Amino acid sequence: CGQAPLNNKIVGGEDATTGSWPWQVSIQSVKFGAHFCGGSLITKDWVLSAAHCFQ
């Protein structure tokens, strides 16, 4: 009651080919079952992500 149904579909989207967004990172964890946050590769060793991903 009082909550809209979750709809996580992208309308009219297309699958990206592997390597087309090389700076985009999927942060994944066994604890969460898979992807739980995103980030951007800012050097070969550093990923920039949002603070709420790790709080």
N, C-alpha and C. Protein backbone atom coordinates (compact mmCIF):
# COMPACT_ATOMS: atom_id res chain seq x y z
N CYS A 1 0.83 -1.18 0.00
CA CYS A 1 0.00 0.00 0.00
C CYS A 1 0.88 1.25 0.00
N GLY A 2 0.60 2.19 -0.87
CA GLY A 2 1.35 3.45 -0.90
C GLY A 2 2.66 3.40 -1.64
N GLN A 3 3.00 2.27 -2.24
CA GLN A 3 4.26 2.18 -2.98
C GLN A 3 3.97 1.79 -4.43
N ALA A 4 4.59 2.53 -5.34
CA ALA A 4 4.44 2.21 -6.76
C ALA A 4 5.19 0.92 -7.06
N PRO A 5 4.70 0.12 -7.99
CA PRO A 5 5.42 -1.11 -8.35
C PRO A 5 6.76 -0.77 -8.99
N LEU A 6 7.77 -1.55 -8.68
CA LEU A 6 9.10 -1.34 -9.24
C LEU A 6 9.10 -1.77 -10.70
N ASN A 7 9.53 -0.87 -11.58
CA ASN A 7 9.64 -1.18 -13.00
C ASN A 7 11.05 -0.79 -13.43
N ASN A 8 11.91 -1.76 -13.57
CA ASN A 8 13.30 -1.48 -13.91
C ASN A 8 13.61 -1.72 -15.38
N LYS A 9 12.61 -1.69 -16.23
CA LYS A 9 12.82 -1.89 -17.66
C LYS A 9 13.24 -0.59 -18.32
N ILE A 10 14.13 -0.69 -19.27
CA ILE A 10 14.53 0.45 -20.08
C ILE A 10 13.74 0.37 -21.38
N VAL A 11 12.97 1.39 -21.67
CA VAL A 11 12.11 1.39 -22.85
C VAL A 11 12.91 1.88 -24.06
N GLY A 12 12.95 1.09 -25.10
CA GLY A 12 13.63 1.49 -26.33
C GLY A 12 15.14 1.42 -26.27
N GLY A 13 15.69 0.80 -25.24
CA GLY A 13 17.14 0.71 -25.10
C GLY A 13 17.75 -0.37 -25.98
N GLU A 14 19.06 -0.35 -26.08
CA GLU A 14 19.78 -1.36 -26.86
C GLU A 14 20.92 -1.91 -26.01
N ASP A 15 21.23 -3.19 -26.19
CA ASP A 15 22.37 -3.77 -25.51
C ASP A 15 23.65 -3.12 -26.01
N ALA A 16 24.56 -2.84 -25.10
CA ALA A 16 25.86 -2.29 -25.48
C ALA A 16 26.81 -3.44 -25.81
N THR A 17 27.66 -3.23 -26.77
CA THR A 17 28.65 -4.25 -27.10
C THR A 17 29.79 -4.18 -26.08
N THR A 18 30.39 -5.32 -25.82
CA THR A 18 31.51 -5.38 -24.88
C THR A 18 32.60 -4.41 -25.30
N GLY A 19 33.05 -3.59 -24.36
CA GLY A 19 34.12 -2.64 -24.63
C GLY A 19 33.68 -1.28 -25.14
N SER A 20 32.38 -1.09 -25.37
CA SER A 20 31.92 0.20 -25.91
C SER A 20 31.91 1.31 -24.86
N TRP A 21 31.95 0.97 -23.58
CA TRP A 21 32.02 1.95 -22.49
C TRP A 21 33.15 1.52 -21.54
N PRO A 22 34.40 1.61 -21.96
CA PRO A 22 35.52 1.02 -21.20
C PRO A 22 35.79 1.65 -19.84
N TRP A 23 35.24 2.80 -19.55
CA TRP A 23 35.45 3.45 -18.25
C TRP A 23 34.35 3.11 -17.25
N GLN A 24 33.31 2.43 -17.69
CA GLN A 24 32.17 2.09 -16.84
C GLN A 24 32.46 0.82 -16.05
N VAL A 25 32.16 0.85 -14.75
CA VAL A 25 32.47 -0.27 -13.86
C VAL A 25 31.19 -0.79 -13.20
N SER A 26 31.06 -2.08 -13.11
CA SER A 26 29.99 -2.72 -12.34
C SER A 26 30.61 -3.24 -11.06
N ILE A 27 30.18 -2.70 -9.92
CA ILE A 27 30.67 -3.16 -8.62
C ILE A 27 29.74 -4.28 -8.16
N GLN A 28 30.32 -5.46 -7.93
CA GLN A 28 29.52 -6.64 -7.64
C GLN A 28 29.97 -7.30 -6.34
N SER A 29 29.04 -8.00 -5.71
CA SER A 29 29.33 -8.66 -4.44
C SER A 29 28.49 -9.92 -4.31
N VAL A 30 29.09 -10.96 -3.77
CA VAL A 30 28.35 -12.19 -3.48
C VAL A 30 27.27 -11.90 -2.44
N LYS A 31 27.57 -11.02 -1.48
CA LYS A 31 26.61 -10.67 -0.42
C LYS A 31 25.30 -10.14 -1.00
N PHE A 32 25.38 -9.32 -2.05
CA PHE A 32 24.19 -8.72 -2.65
C PHE A 32 23.65 -9.53 -3.83
N GLY A 33 24.33 -10.57 -4.20
CA GLY A 33 23.85 -11.44 -5.27
C GLY A 33 24.30 -11.07 -6.66
N ALA A 34 24.96 -9.94 -6.84
CA ALA A 34 25.46 -9.52 -8.15
C ALA A 34 25.80 -8.03 -8.10
N HIS A 35 25.48 -7.33 -9.18
CA HIS A 35 25.74 -5.90 -9.29
C HIS A 35 24.98 -5.13 -8.21
N PHE A 36 25.66 -4.22 -7.49
CA PHE A 36 24.96 -3.39 -6.53
C PHE A 36 25.26 -1.91 -6.68
N CYS A 37 26.23 -1.55 -7.47
CA CYS A 37 26.55 -0.13 -7.68
C CYS A 37 27.41 0.01 -8.93
N GLY A 38 27.52 1.22 -9.42
CA GLY A 38 28.36 1.49 -10.58
C GLY A 38 29.48 2.45 -10.24
N GLY A 39 30.40 2.59 -11.15
CA GLY A 39 31.50 3.51 -10.96
C GLY A 39 32.15 3.84 -12.29
N SER A 40 33.14 4.73 -12.21
CA SER A 40 33.90 5.13 -13.39
C SER A 40 35.38 4.88 -13.15
N LEU A 41 36.03 4.25 -14.09
CA LEU A 41 37.46 4.02 -14.01
C LEU A 41 38.17 5.34 -14.29
N ILE A 42 38.90 5.87 -13.27
CA ILE A 42 39.56 7.16 -13.46
C ILE A 42 41.07 7.02 -13.70
N THR A 43 41.66 5.90 -13.31
CA THR A 43 43.01 5.49 -13.71
C THR A 43 42.96 3.98 -13.84
N LYS A 44 44.06 3.35 -14.19
CA LYS A 44 44.04 1.90 -14.33
C LYS A 44 43.84 1.18 -13.01
N ASP A 45 44.07 1.88 -11.88
CA ASP A 45 43.95 1.26 -10.56
C ASP A 45 42.86 1.85 -9.67
N TRP A 46 42.16 2.91 -10.11
CA TRP A 46 41.20 3.61 -9.25
C TRP A 46 39.83 3.72 -9.91
N VAL A 47 38.80 3.44 -9.10
CA VAL A 47 37.40 3.56 -9.52
C VAL A 47 36.74 4.63 -8.67
N LEU A 48 36.02 5.55 -9.29
CA LEU A 48 35.25 6.57 -8.58
C LEU A 48 33.80 6.11 -8.53
N SER A 49 33.25 6.06 -7.30
CA SER A 49 31.87 5.63 -7.11
C SER A 49 31.22 6.53 -6.07
N ALA A 50 29.94 6.34 -5.85
CA ALA A 50 29.20 7.12 -4.86
C ALA A 50 29.43 6.56 -3.45
N ALA A 51 29.45 7.44 -2.46
CA ALA A 51 29.70 7.04 -1.08
C ALA A 51 28.65 6.05 -0.57
N HIS A 52 27.39 6.22 -0.99
CA HIS A 52 26.34 5.33 -0.47
C HIS A 52 26.55 3.87 -0.88
N CYS A 53 27.38 3.63 -1.86
CA CYS A 53 27.65 2.25 -2.26
C CYS A 53 28.38 1.46 -1.18
N PHE A 54 29.08 2.16 -0.30
CA PHE A 54 29.94 1.49 0.67
C PHE A 54 29.62 1.85 2.11
N GLN A 55 28.46 2.44 2.35
CA GLN A 55 28.08 2.79 3.72
C GLN A 55 27.22 1.72 4.33
